[in-house]
Amino acid sequence: MIGIFAARRGLLRSCTRVPRISDKQYACSSKRVAYDPAFYLAYCQLARTHEYLYFWGADHTPARVAQARQALEKALSLAPEGGEAHLAAAAIAYHCERDYKTALEELAIARCSLPNDPSIFEFASFIARRQGRWEQCIENAERAQSLIPGTTRCCRCFFHYLAFCAATPMRRVCWIGRSPFRRAAHLHESREH
């Protein structure tokens, strides 16, 4: 059972890009917690699964948020200092409640036990973007990108920044030279012409 969880753990990190949480994946998370009620990481994944189902509109109801909160509470009762649970709490606060202050507080707690998890910096980047703090947005996106080199996973924040700065070419030029986003900037520039 642990092998199944380890194989699917990467799913949660990639779901911010692909809104496809299937019934099979939800069922798998539910089976893991039914099989072992003390399986901390399975509760974290179940909370994130409920959060994604809510956020991507598959089930955009208060009941879905309540299910996410219930799984999160169980995870926190099993491991109150666990970074994965606080990362799930941040995701719920951000995606389900748009409570950026709480999400940032939870990310700070999660960062203590998961210092090199790119999801922490990615969520911080998304929050900074929503708050219009573009420098922090880019810095966090770059940090997330540096933790997973060779991918363009975090370029979405950069594209949001470029869209924001489209009317001010000089501000855009300042960011184009930043190393993790050179390729993204080149792609964006080629799409404009």
N, C-alpha and C. Protein backbone atom coordinates (compact mmCIF):
# COMPACT_ATOMS: atom_id res chain seq x y z
N MET A 1 0.81 -1.19 0.00
CA MET A 1 0.00 0.00 0.00
C MET A 1 0.87 1.26 0.00
N ILE A 2 1.98 1.21 0.72
CA ILE A 2 2.86 2.38 0.76
C ILE A 2 3.46 2.64 -0.62
N GLY A 3 3.74 1.58 -1.37
CA GLY A 3 4.27 1.75 -2.71
C GLY A 3 3.30 2.48 -3.63
N ILE A 4 2.02 2.19 -3.48
CA ILE A 4 1.01 2.88 -4.28
C ILE A 4 1.01 4.36 -3.95
N PHE A 5 1.10 4.66 -2.64
CA PHE A 5 1.11 6.08 -2.25
C PHE A 5 2.34 6.77 -2.80
N ALA A 6 3.50 6.14 -2.68
CA ALA A 6 4.74 6.76 -3.16
C ALA A 6 4.67 7.01 -4.66
N ALA A 7 4.08 6.08 -5.39
CA ALA A 7 3.98 6.24 -6.84
C ALA A 7 3.04 7.39 -7.21
N ARG A 8 2.01 7.61 -6.41
CA ARG A 8 1.03 8.64 -6.72
C ARG A 8 1.32 9.98 -6.04
N ARG A 9 2.33 10.02 -5.18
CA ARG A 9 2.60 11.24 -4.45
C ARG A 9 2.92 12.40 -5.39
N GLY A 10 3.63 12.13 -6.47
CA GLY A 10 3.95 13.16 -7.44
C GLY A 10 2.72 13.73 -8.12
N LEU A 11 1.63 12.99 -8.12
CA LEU A 11 0.39 13.46 -8.73
C LEU A 11 -0.06 14.77 -8.13
N LEU A 12 -0.01 14.87 -6.81
CA LEU A 12 -0.49 16.10 -6.17
C LEU A 12 0.34 17.30 -6.56
N ARG A 13 1.62 17.10 -6.74
CA ARG A 13 2.46 18.23 -7.11
C ARG A 13 2.23 18.65 -8.56
N SER A 14 1.79 17.73 -9.39
CA SER A 14 1.56 18.08 -10.78
C SER A 14 0.14 18.55 -11.04
N CYS A 15 -0.74 18.36 -10.08
CA CYS A 15 -2.16 18.69 -10.31
C CYS A 15 -2.41 20.17 -10.42
N THR A 16 -1.48 21.01 -9.97
CA THR A 16 -1.73 22.44 -10.11
C THR A 16 -1.75 22.82 -11.58
N ARG A 17 -1.22 21.98 -12.45
CA ARG A 17 -1.20 22.25 -13.87
C ARG A 17 -2.32 21.54 -14.62
N VAL A 18 -2.76 20.39 -14.13
CA VAL A 18 -3.71 19.58 -14.88
C VAL A 18 -4.95 19.33 -14.02
N PRO A 19 -6.07 19.93 -14.37
CA PRO A 19 -7.28 19.77 -13.55
C PRO A 19 -7.99 18.45 -13.81
N ARG A 20 -7.29 17.33 -13.59
CA ARG A 20 -7.87 16.03 -13.87
C ARG A 20 -7.72 15.10 -12.67
N ILE A 21 -8.47 15.32 -11.65
CA ILE A 21 -8.51 14.39 -10.53
C ILE A 21 -9.68 13.46 -10.82
N SER A 22 -9.39 12.22 -11.10
CA SER A 22 -10.46 11.31 -11.49
C SER A 22 -11.08 10.65 -10.27
N ASP A 23 -12.21 10.04 -10.49
CA ASP A 23 -12.87 9.27 -9.44
C ASP A 23 -11.96 8.15 -8.95
N LYS A 24 -11.18 7.59 -9.86
CA LYS A 24 -10.27 6.51 -9.48
C LYS A 24 -9.20 7.01 -8.49
N GLN A 25 -8.68 8.19 -8.72
CA GLN A 25 -7.67 8.74 -7.82
C GLN A 25 -8.27 9.07 -6.46
N TYR A 26 -9.49 9.59 -6.46
CA TYR A 26 -10.17 9.87 -5.20
C TYR A 26 -10.42 8.56 -4.45
N ALA A 27 -10.87 7.56 -5.18
CA ALA A 27 -11.14 6.26 -4.57
C ALA A 27 -9.86 5.66 -3.97
N CYS A 28 -8.75 5.85 -4.68
CA CYS A 28 -7.48 5.33 -4.19
C CYS A 28 -7.09 6.00 -2.87
N SER A 29 -7.26 7.31 -2.78
CA SER A 29 -6.96 8.03 -1.54
C SER A 29 -7.87 7.56 -0.41
N SER A 30 -9.14 7.37 -0.71
CA SER A 30 -10.09 6.92 0.30
C SER A 30 -9.76 5.52 0.79
N LYS A 31 -9.36 4.65 -0.12
CA LYS A 31 -9.00 3.28 0.26
C LYS A 31 -7.78 3.26 1.18
N ARG A 32 -6.82 4.13 0.90
CA ARG A 32 -5.61 4.16 1.74
C ARG A 32 -5.94 4.52 3.18
N VAL A 33 -6.81 5.50 3.39
CA VAL A 33 -7.14 5.89 4.77
C VAL A 33 -8.04 4.85 5.42
N ALA A 34 -8.87 4.17 4.63
CA ALA A 34 -9.70 3.10 5.19
C ALA A 34 -8.83 1.91 5.59
N TYR A 35 -7.81 1.63 4.79
CA TYR A 35 -6.91 0.51 5.06
C TYR A 35 -6.07 0.76 6.31
N ASP A 36 -5.61 1.98 6.49
CA ASP A 36 -4.77 2.31 7.64
C ASP A 36 -5.18 3.67 8.18
N PRO A 37 -6.03 3.71 9.21
CA PRO A 37 -6.52 4.99 9.76
C PRO A 37 -5.42 5.87 10.37
N ALA A 38 -4.22 5.33 10.53
CA ALA A 38 -3.11 6.13 11.08
C ALA A 38 -2.11 6.53 10.01
N PHE A 39 -2.51 6.44 8.74
CA PHE A 39 -1.60 6.74 7.62
C PHE A 39 -1.64 8.25 7.35
N TYR A 40 -0.75 8.94 8.01
CA TYR A 40 -0.69 10.40 7.98
C TYR A 40 -0.64 10.97 6.56
N LEU A 41 0.29 10.47 5.74
CA LEU A 41 0.46 11.01 4.39
C LEU A 41 -0.77 10.75 3.51
N ALA A 42 -1.47 9.66 3.77
CA ALA A 42 -2.68 9.38 3.00
C ALA A 42 -3.77 10.41 3.32
N TYR A 43 -3.86 10.81 4.58
CA TYR A 43 -4.83 11.86 4.93
C TYR A 43 -4.45 13.20 4.30
N CYS A 44 -3.16 13.48 4.25
CA CYS A 44 -2.71 14.71 3.58
C CYS A 44 -3.10 14.69 2.11
N GLN A 45 -2.88 13.54 1.46
CA GLN A 45 -3.23 13.43 0.05
C GLN A 45 -4.74 13.50 -0.15
N LEU A 46 -5.50 12.90 0.76
CA LEU A 46 -6.96 12.96 0.64
C LEU A 46 -7.45 14.40 0.78
N ALA A 47 -6.87 15.15 1.71
CA ALA A 47 -7.25 16.56 1.87
C ALA A 47 -6.94 17.34 0.60
N ARG A 48 -5.76 17.09 0.01
CA ARG A 48 -5.40 17.78 -1.23
C ARG A 48 -6.30 17.36 -2.39
N THR A 49 -6.69 16.09 -2.42
CA THR A 49 -7.58 15.62 -3.48
C THR A 49 -8.92 16.34 -3.40
N HIS A 50 -9.48 16.44 -2.20
CA HIS A 50 -10.74 17.17 -2.03
C HIS A 50 -10.57 18.64 -2.43
N GLU A 51 -9.45 19.22 -2.03
CA GLU A 51 -9.18 20.62 -2.37
C GLU A 51 -9.12 20.83 -3.87
N TYR A 52 -8.46 19.93 -4.59
CA TYR A 52 -8.38 20.06 -6.05
C TYR A 52 -9.72 19.84 -6.71
N LEU A 53 -10.50 18.87 -6.22
CA LEU A 53 -11.83 18.67 -6.79
C LEU A 53 -12.69 19.92 -6.62
N TYR A 54 -12.52 20.61 -5.51
CA TYR A 54 -13.25 21.85 -5.28
C TYR A 54 -12.71 22.95 -6.20
N PHE A 55 -11.41 23.13 -6.19
CA PHE A 55 -10.80 24.24 -6.92
C PHE A 55 -11.04 24.16 -8.42
N TRP A 56 -10.90 22.98 -8.99
CA TRP A 56 -11.04 22.84 -10.44
C TRP A 56 -12.49 22.72 -10.88
N GLY A 57 -13.42 22.79 -9.94
CA GLY A 57 -14.83 22.85 -10.30
C GLY A 57 -15.52 21.52 -10.48
N ALA A 58 -14.83 20.42 -10.22
CA ALA A 58 -15.48 19.11 -10.34
C ALA A 58 -16.59 18.97 -9.30
N ASP A 59 -16.39 19.57 -8.13
CA ASP A 59 -17.39 19.57 -7.07
C ASP A 59 -17.17 20.84 -6.24
N HIS A 60 -17.66 21.94 -6.75
CA HIS A 60 -17.42 23.25 -6.13
C HIS A 60 -18.52 23.54 -5.10
N THR A 61 -18.51 22.74 -4.03
CA THR A 61 -19.53 22.87 -3.00
C THR A 61 -18.89 23.03 -1.63
N PRO A 62 -19.61 23.63 -0.69
CA PRO A 62 -19.08 23.71 0.68
C PRO A 62 -18.84 22.34 1.31
N ALA A 63 -19.61 21.34 0.90
CA ALA A 63 -19.42 19.99 1.42
C ALA A 63 -18.03 19.45 1.05
N ARG A 64 -17.57 19.78 -0.15
CA ARG A 64 -16.24 19.32 -0.58
C ARG A 64 -15.16 19.98 0.27
N VAL A 65 -15.31 21.25 0.58
CA VAL A 65 -14.35 21.95 1.43
C VAL A 65 -14.38 21.33 2.83
N ALA A 66 -15.56 21.00 3.32
CA ALA A 66 -15.68 20.36 4.64
C ALA A 66 -14.97 19.02 4.65
N GLN A 67 -15.06 18.26 3.56
CA GLN A 67 -14.35 16.98 3.48
C GLN A 67 -12.85 17.20 3.49
N ALA A 68 -12.40 18.22 2.80
CA ALA A 68 -10.96 18.54 2.79
C ALA A 68 -10.51 18.91 4.20
N ARG A 69 -11.29 19.72 4.87
CA ARG A 69 -10.96 20.14 6.24
C ARG A 69 -10.95 18.94 7.19
N GLN A 70 -11.91 18.03 7.02
CA GLN A 70 -11.98 16.85 7.88
C GLN A 70 -10.73 15.97 7.71
N ALA A 71 -10.32 15.74 6.47
CA ALA A 71 -9.11 14.95 6.23
C ALA A 71 -7.88 15.68 6.78
N LEU A 72 -7.85 17.00 6.63
CA LEU A 72 -6.73 17.79 7.15
C LEU A 72 -6.66 17.71 8.67
N GLU A 73 -7.81 17.82 9.34
CA GLU A 73 -7.83 17.73 10.80
C GLU A 73 -7.30 16.38 11.27
N LYS A 74 -7.67 15.31 10.58
CA LYS A 74 -7.16 13.98 10.94
C LYS A 74 -5.65 13.92 10.75
N ALA A 75 -5.16 14.47 9.65
CA ALA A 75 -3.71 14.47 9.40
C ALA A 75 -2.99 15.26 10.49
N LEU A 76 -3.54 16.42 10.85
CA LEU A 76 -2.90 17.23 11.88
C LEU A 76 -2.97 16.57 13.25
N SER A 77 -4.00 15.77 13.50
CA SER A 77 -4.07 15.05 14.77
C SER A 77 -3.02 13.94 14.82
N LEU A 78 -2.68 13.37 13.67
CA LEU A 78 -1.67 12.32 13.61
C LEU A 78 -0.25 12.87 13.69
N ALA A 79 -0.02 14.04 13.09
CA ALA A 79 1.32 14.65 13.08
C ALA A 79 1.17 16.16 13.05
N PRO A 80 1.01 16.79 14.21
CA PRO A 80 0.75 18.24 14.26
C PRO A 80 1.83 19.11 13.63
N GLU A 81 3.06 18.64 13.63
CA GLU A 81 4.15 19.43 13.05
C GLU A 81 4.52 18.98 11.65
N GLY A 82 3.77 18.07 11.09
CA GLY A 82 4.10 17.54 9.77
C GLY A 82 3.96 18.58 8.67
N GLY A 83 4.99 18.72 7.88
CA GLY A 83 4.98 19.72 6.82
C GLY A 83 3.94 19.46 5.75
N GLU A 84 3.72 18.19 5.44
CA GLU A 84 2.74 17.86 4.40
C GLU A 84 1.34 18.32 4.78
N ALA A 85 0.99 18.18 6.07
CA ALA A 85 -0.33 18.61 6.53
C ALA A 85 -0.46 20.13 6.45
N HIS A 86 0.61 20.83 6.80
CA HIS A 86 0.55 22.30 6.74
C HIS A 86 0.55 22.78 5.29
N LEU A 87 1.20 22.04 4.40
CA LEU A 87 1.13 22.36 2.98
C LEU A 87 -0.30 22.16 2.47
N ALA A 88 -0.94 21.09 2.91
CA ALA A 88 -2.34 20.85 2.54
C ALA A 88 -3.23 21.95 3.11
N ALA A 89 -2.96 22.39 4.34
CA ALA A 89 -3.74 23.48 4.95
C ALA A 89 -3.57 24.77 4.15
N ALA A 90 -2.36 25.03 3.68
CA ALA A 90 -2.12 26.21 2.86
C ALA A 90 -2.88 26.12 1.55
N ALA A 91 -2.88 24.94 0.94
CA ALA A 91 -3.59 24.76 -0.32
C ALA A 91 -5.10 24.96 -0.14
N ILE A 92 -5.63 24.46 0.95
CA ILE A 92 -7.06 24.63 1.22
C ILE A 92 -7.38 26.11 1.46
N ALA A 93 -6.55 26.77 2.25
CA ALA A 93 -6.77 28.20 2.51
C ALA A 93 -6.69 29.01 1.22
N TYR A 94 -5.73 28.67 0.37
CA TYR A 94 -5.54 29.41 -0.89
C TYR A 94 -6.64 29.09 -1.91
N HIS A 95 -6.81 27.81 -2.22
CA HIS A 95 -7.72 27.42 -3.29
C HIS A 95 -9.20 27.47 -2.90
N CYS A 96 -9.52 27.11 -1.67
CA CYS A 96 -10.92 26.99 -1.29
C CYS A 96 -11.48 28.23 -0.61
N GLU A 97 -10.63 28.94 0.11
CA GLU A 97 -11.13 30.05 0.92
C GLU A 97 -10.56 31.41 0.51
N ARG A 98 -9.57 31.40 -0.37
CA ARG A 98 -8.89 32.64 -0.78
C ARG A 98 -8.41 33.44 0.43
N ASP A 99 -7.96 32.70 1.45
CA ASP A 99 -7.43 33.30 2.68
C ASP A 99 -5.91 33.28 2.58
N TYR A 100 -5.37 34.34 1.97
CA TYR A 100 -3.94 34.37 1.67
C TYR A 100 -3.09 34.48 2.93
N LYS A 101 -3.57 35.19 3.92
CA LYS A 101 -2.81 35.33 5.17
C LYS A 101 -2.61 33.97 5.83
N THR A 102 -3.68 33.22 5.97
CA THR A 102 -3.58 31.89 6.57
C THR A 102 -2.72 30.97 5.71
N ALA A 103 -2.88 31.05 4.40
CA ALA A 103 -2.08 30.21 3.51
C ALA A 103 -0.59 30.49 3.69
N LEU A 104 -0.22 31.76 3.77
CA LEU A 104 1.20 32.11 3.97
C LEU A 104 1.70 31.64 5.33
N GLU A 105 0.86 31.73 6.37
CA GLU A 105 1.25 31.24 7.69
C GLU A 105 1.49 29.74 7.66
N GLU A 106 0.61 29.02 7.00
CA GLU A 106 0.76 27.56 6.88
C GLU A 106 2.00 27.19 6.06
N LEU A 107 2.27 27.96 5.02
CA LEU A 107 3.48 27.71 4.22
C LEU A 107 4.74 27.92 5.04
N ALA A 108 4.73 28.91 5.92
CA ALA A 108 5.89 29.16 6.78
C ALA A 108 6.13 27.98 7.71
N ILE A 109 5.06 27.40 8.23
CA ILE A 109 5.20 26.22 9.10
C ILE A 109 5.69 25.03 8.28
N ALA A 110 5.12 24.84 7.10
CA ALA A 110 5.51 23.72 6.25
C ALA A 110 6.98 23.82 5.83
N ARG A 111 7.44 25.04 5.59
CA ARG A 111 8.82 25.26 5.14
C ARG A 111 9.84 24.76 6.16
N CYS A 112 9.47 24.76 7.45
CA CYS A 112 10.39 24.29 8.49
C CYS A 112 10.74 22.82 8.32
N SER A 113 9.77 21.99 7.94
CA SER A 113 10.07 20.56 7.78
C SER A 113 10.23 20.14 6.32
N LEU A 114 9.86 21.00 5.39
CA LEU A 114 10.01 20.70 3.96
C LEU A 114 10.73 21.86 3.27
N PRO A 115 11.99 22.13 3.66
CA PRO A 115 12.66 23.34 3.16
C PRO A 115 12.91 23.37 1.66
N ASN A 116 12.94 22.22 1.02
CA ASN A 116 13.24 22.18 -0.41
C ASN A 116 12.08 21.65 -1.24
N ASP A 117 10.88 21.80 -0.73
CA ASP A 117 9.71 21.38 -1.49
C ASP A 117 9.31 22.52 -2.43
N PRO A 118 9.35 22.30 -3.73
CA PRO A 118 9.03 23.38 -4.66
C PRO A 118 7.59 23.87 -4.55
N SER A 119 6.68 23.02 -4.08
CA SER A 119 5.28 23.42 -3.95
C SER A 119 5.11 24.58 -2.99
N ILE A 120 5.93 24.64 -1.96
CA ILE A 120 5.83 25.73 -0.99
C ILE A 120 6.12 27.06 -1.66
N PHE A 121 7.19 27.10 -2.43
CA PHE A 121 7.57 28.34 -3.11
C PHE A 121 6.60 28.67 -4.25
N GLU A 122 6.08 27.63 -4.86
CA GLU A 122 5.11 27.83 -5.94
C GLU A 122 3.83 28.47 -5.40
N PHE A 123 3.31 27.93 -4.29
CA PHE A 123 2.12 28.53 -3.69
C PHE A 123 2.40 29.96 -3.23
N ALA A 124 3.57 30.19 -2.64
CA ALA A 124 3.93 31.55 -2.22
C ALA A 124 3.97 32.49 -3.42
N SER A 125 4.43 31.98 -4.55
CA SER A 125 4.46 32.77 -5.78
C SER A 125 3.05 33.10 -6.25
N PHE A 126 2.16 32.11 -6.22
CA PHE A 126 0.78 32.35 -6.66
C PHE A 126 0.10 33.38 -5.76
N ILE A 127 0.34 33.29 -4.46
CA ILE A 127 -0.28 34.23 -3.53
C ILE A 127 0.25 35.64 -3.77
N ALA A 128 1.57 35.75 -3.94
CA ALA A 128 2.16 37.07 -4.22
C ALA A 128 1.60 37.64 -5.51
N ARG A 129 1.40 36.80 -6.51
CA ARG A 129 0.82 37.25 -7.78
C ARG A 129 -0.58 37.79 -7.56
N ARG A 130 -1.39 37.08 -6.80
CA ARG A 130 -2.77 37.53 -6.54
C ARG A 130 -2.80 38.83 -5.74
N GLN A 131 -1.76 39.06 -4.93
CA GLN A 131 -1.70 40.28 -4.13
C GLN A 131 -0.98 41.41 -4.85
N GLY A 132 -0.53 41.16 -6.07
CA GLY A 132 0.13 42.20 -6.86
C GLY A 132 1.57 42.48 -6.42
N ARG A 133 2.16 41.56 -5.68
CA ARG A 133 3.56 41.72 -5.24
C ARG A 133 4.43 40.94 -6.23
N TRP A 134 4.72 41.58 -7.36
CA TRP A 134 5.33 40.90 -8.48
C TRP A 134 6.76 40.47 -8.23
N GLU A 135 7.54 41.27 -7.52
CA GLU A 135 8.92 40.86 -7.24
C GLU A 135 8.95 39.59 -6.41
N GLN A 136 8.11 39.52 -5.38
CA GLN A 136 8.04 38.31 -4.57
C GLN A 136 7.51 37.14 -5.38
N CYS A 137 6.57 37.43 -6.26
CA CYS A 137 6.04 36.39 -7.14
C CYS A 137 7.16 35.76 -7.95
N ILE A 138 7.95 36.58 -8.60
CA ILE A 138 9.03 36.07 -9.44
C ILE A 138 10.11 35.39 -8.60
N GLU A 139 10.47 35.97 -7.47
CA GLU A 139 11.50 35.37 -6.62
C GLU A 139 11.09 33.98 -6.15
N ASN A 140 9.84 33.84 -5.71
CA ASN A 140 9.37 32.52 -5.26
C ASN A 140 9.27 31.55 -6.43
N ALA A 141 8.82 32.02 -7.59
CA ALA A 141 8.76 31.14 -8.76
C ALA A 141 10.15 30.69 -9.17
N GLU A 142 11.12 31.60 -9.10
CA GLU A 142 12.50 31.22 -9.43
C GLU A 142 13.04 30.21 -8.44
N ARG A 143 12.72 30.38 -7.17
CA ARG A 143 13.18 29.43 -6.15
C ARG A 143 12.57 28.06 -6.41
N ALA A 144 11.28 28.03 -6.70
CA ALA A 144 10.62 26.76 -7.01
C ALA A 144 11.25 26.12 -8.25
N GLN A 145 11.51 26.95 -9.25
CA GLN A 145 12.12 26.45 -10.48
C GLN A 145 13.52 25.91 -10.23
N SER A 146 14.28 26.55 -9.36
CA SER A 146 15.64 26.08 -9.07
C SER A 146 15.64 24.73 -8.37
N LEU A 147 14.55 24.40 -7.70
CA LEU A 147 14.46 23.11 -7.01
C LEU A 147 14.08 21.98 -7.95
N ILE A 148 13.59 22.32 -9.12
CA ILE A 148 13.25 21.31 -10.13
C ILE A 148 13.82 21.75 -11.47
N PRO A 149 15.15 21.79 -11.60
CA PRO A 149 15.77 22.30 -12.83
C PRO A 149 15.42 21.45 -14.05
N GLY A 150 15.46 22.11 -15.18
CA GLY A 150 15.21 21.40 -16.43
C GLY A 150 13.74 21.32 -16.81
N THR A 151 12.87 21.93 -16.02
CA THR A 151 11.45 21.92 -16.36
C THR A 151 10.96 23.36 -16.48
N THR A 152 9.78 23.50 -16.99
CA THR A 152 9.16 24.83 -17.08
C THR A 152 7.94 24.88 -16.19
N ARG A 153 7.95 24.09 -15.13
CA ARG A 153 6.80 23.96 -14.24
C ARG A 153 6.32 25.29 -13.69
N CYS A 154 7.22 26.16 -13.30
CA CYS A 154 6.83 27.40 -12.61
C CYS A 154 6.72 28.59 -13.55
N CYS A 155 6.75 28.35 -14.82
CA CYS A 155 6.72 29.48 -15.76
C CYS A 155 5.37 30.17 -15.82
N ARG A 156 4.32 29.54 -15.30
CA ARG A 156 3.00 30.15 -15.34
C ARG A 156 3.00 31.52 -14.65
N CYS A 157 3.67 31.62 -13.50
CA CYS A 157 3.72 32.91 -12.81
C CYS A 157 4.44 33.94 -13.65
N PHE A 158 5.46 33.50 -14.35
CA PHE A 158 6.20 34.42 -15.19
C PHE A 158 5.32 34.94 -16.32
N PHE A 159 4.52 34.06 -16.92
CA PHE A 159 3.63 34.51 -17.98
C PHE A 159 2.59 35.49 -17.45
N HIS A 160 2.12 35.26 -16.22
CA HIS A 160 1.20 36.23 -15.61
C HIS A 160 1.90 37.58 -15.45
N TYR A 161 3.14 37.53 -15.06
CA TYR A 161 3.89 38.77 -14.89
C TYR A 161 4.03 39.49 -16.23
N LEU A 162 4.36 38.75 -17.27
CA LEU A 162 4.51 39.37 -18.59
C LEU A 162 3.19 39.98 -19.06
N ALA A 163 2.10 39.29 -18.79
CA ALA A 163 0.80 39.85 -19.18
C ALA A 163 0.53 41.15 -18.42
N PHE A 164 0.90 41.18 -17.16
CA PHE A 164 0.70 42.37 -16.34
C PHE A 164 1.54 43.54 -16.86
N CYS A 165 2.74 43.23 -17.31
CA CYS A 165 3.67 44.28 -17.73
C CYS A 165 3.62 44.55 -19.23
N ALA A 166 2.65 44.01 -19.92
CA ALA A 166 2.62 44.16 -21.38
C ALA A 166 2.62 45.61 -21.82
N ALA A 167 2.02 46.48 -21.02
CA ALA A 167 1.95 47.89 -21.39
C ALA A 167 3.22 48.66 -21.03
N THR A 168 4.12 48.03 -20.28
CA THR A 168 5.34 48.72 -19.86
C THR A 168 6.56 47.88 -20.26
N PRO A 169 7.01 48.00 -21.50
CA PRO A 169 8.10 47.16 -22.00
C PRO A 169 9.39 47.26 -21.18
N MET A 170 9.68 48.41 -20.59
CA MET A 170 10.93 48.53 -19.83
C MET A 170 10.91 47.64 -18.59
N ARG A 171 9.76 47.54 -17.92
CA ARG A 171 9.68 46.65 -16.76
C ARG A 171 9.81 45.20 -17.18
N ARG A 172 9.26 44.87 -18.34
CA ARG A 172 9.33 43.51 -18.81
C ARG A 172 10.78 43.13 -19.12
N VAL A 173 11.53 44.02 -19.73
CA VAL A 173 12.92 43.75 -20.08
C VAL A 173 13.74 43.44 -18.83
N CYS A 174 13.41 44.08 -17.72
CA CYS A 174 14.14 43.84 -16.48
C CYS A 174 14.06 42.38 -16.06
N TRP A 175 12.93 41.73 -16.33
CA TRP A 175 12.75 40.35 -15.89
C TRP A 175 13.17 39.32 -16.92
N ILE A 176 13.25 39.70 -18.17
CA ILE A 176 13.54 38.72 -19.22
C ILE A 176 14.90 38.07 -19.04
N GLY A 177 15.88 38.79 -18.53
CA GLY A 177 17.21 38.23 -18.35
C GLY A 177 17.36 37.31 -17.17
N ARG A 178 16.37 37.18 -16.33
CA ARG A 178 16.49 36.33 -15.14
C ARG A 178 16.56 34.89 -15.57
N SER A 179 17.57 34.19 -15.12
CA SER A 179 17.95 32.89 -15.67
C SER A 179 16.86 31.83 -15.79
N PRO A 180 16.08 31.48 -14.77
CA PRO A 180 15.14 30.38 -14.97
C PRO A 180 14.06 30.69 -15.98
N PHE A 181 13.86 31.98 -16.30
CA PHE A 181 12.75 32.34 -17.15
C PHE A 181 13.17 32.82 -18.53
N ARG A 182 14.44 32.73 -18.87
CA ARG A 182 14.86 33.18 -20.20
C ARG A 182 14.13 32.45 -21.31
N ARG A 183 14.03 31.13 -21.15
CA ARG A 183 13.35 30.34 -22.17
C ARG A 183 11.87 30.73 -22.25
N ALA A 184 11.22 30.90 -21.10
CA ALA A 184 9.81 31.29 -21.09
C ALA A 184 9.62 32.65 -21.73
N ALA A 185 10.52 33.58 -21.44
CA ALA A 185 10.41 34.92 -22.02
C ALA A 185 10.56 34.85 -23.53
N HIS A 186 11.50 34.02 -24.00
CA HIS A 186 11.71 33.87 -25.44
C HIS A 186 10.43 33.31 -26.08
N LEU A 187 9.83 32.29 -25.45
CA LEU A 187 8.60 31.72 -25.99
C LEU A 187 7.49 32.76 -26.03
N HIS A 188 7.40 33.55 -24.97
CA HIS A 188 6.36 34.57 -24.90
C HIS A 188 6.56 35.63 -25.98
N GLU A 189 7.81 36.08 -26.15
CA GLU A 189 8.11 37.08 -27.16
C GLU A 189 7.81 36.56 -28.55
N SER A 190 8.12 35.27 -28.82
CA SER A 190 7.87 34.74 -30.16
C SER A 190 6.37 34.61 -30.43
N ARG A 191 5.56 34.42 -29.38
CA ARG A 191 4.11 34.35 -29.56
C ARG A 191 3.50 35.72 -29.85
N GLU A 192 4.15 36.78 -29.39
CA GLU A 192 3.63 38.12 -29.60
C GLU A 192 3.79 38.58 -31.05
N HIS A 193 4.78 38.04 -31.75
CA HIS A 193 5.07 38.52 -33.11
C HIS A 193 4.47 37.65 -34.17
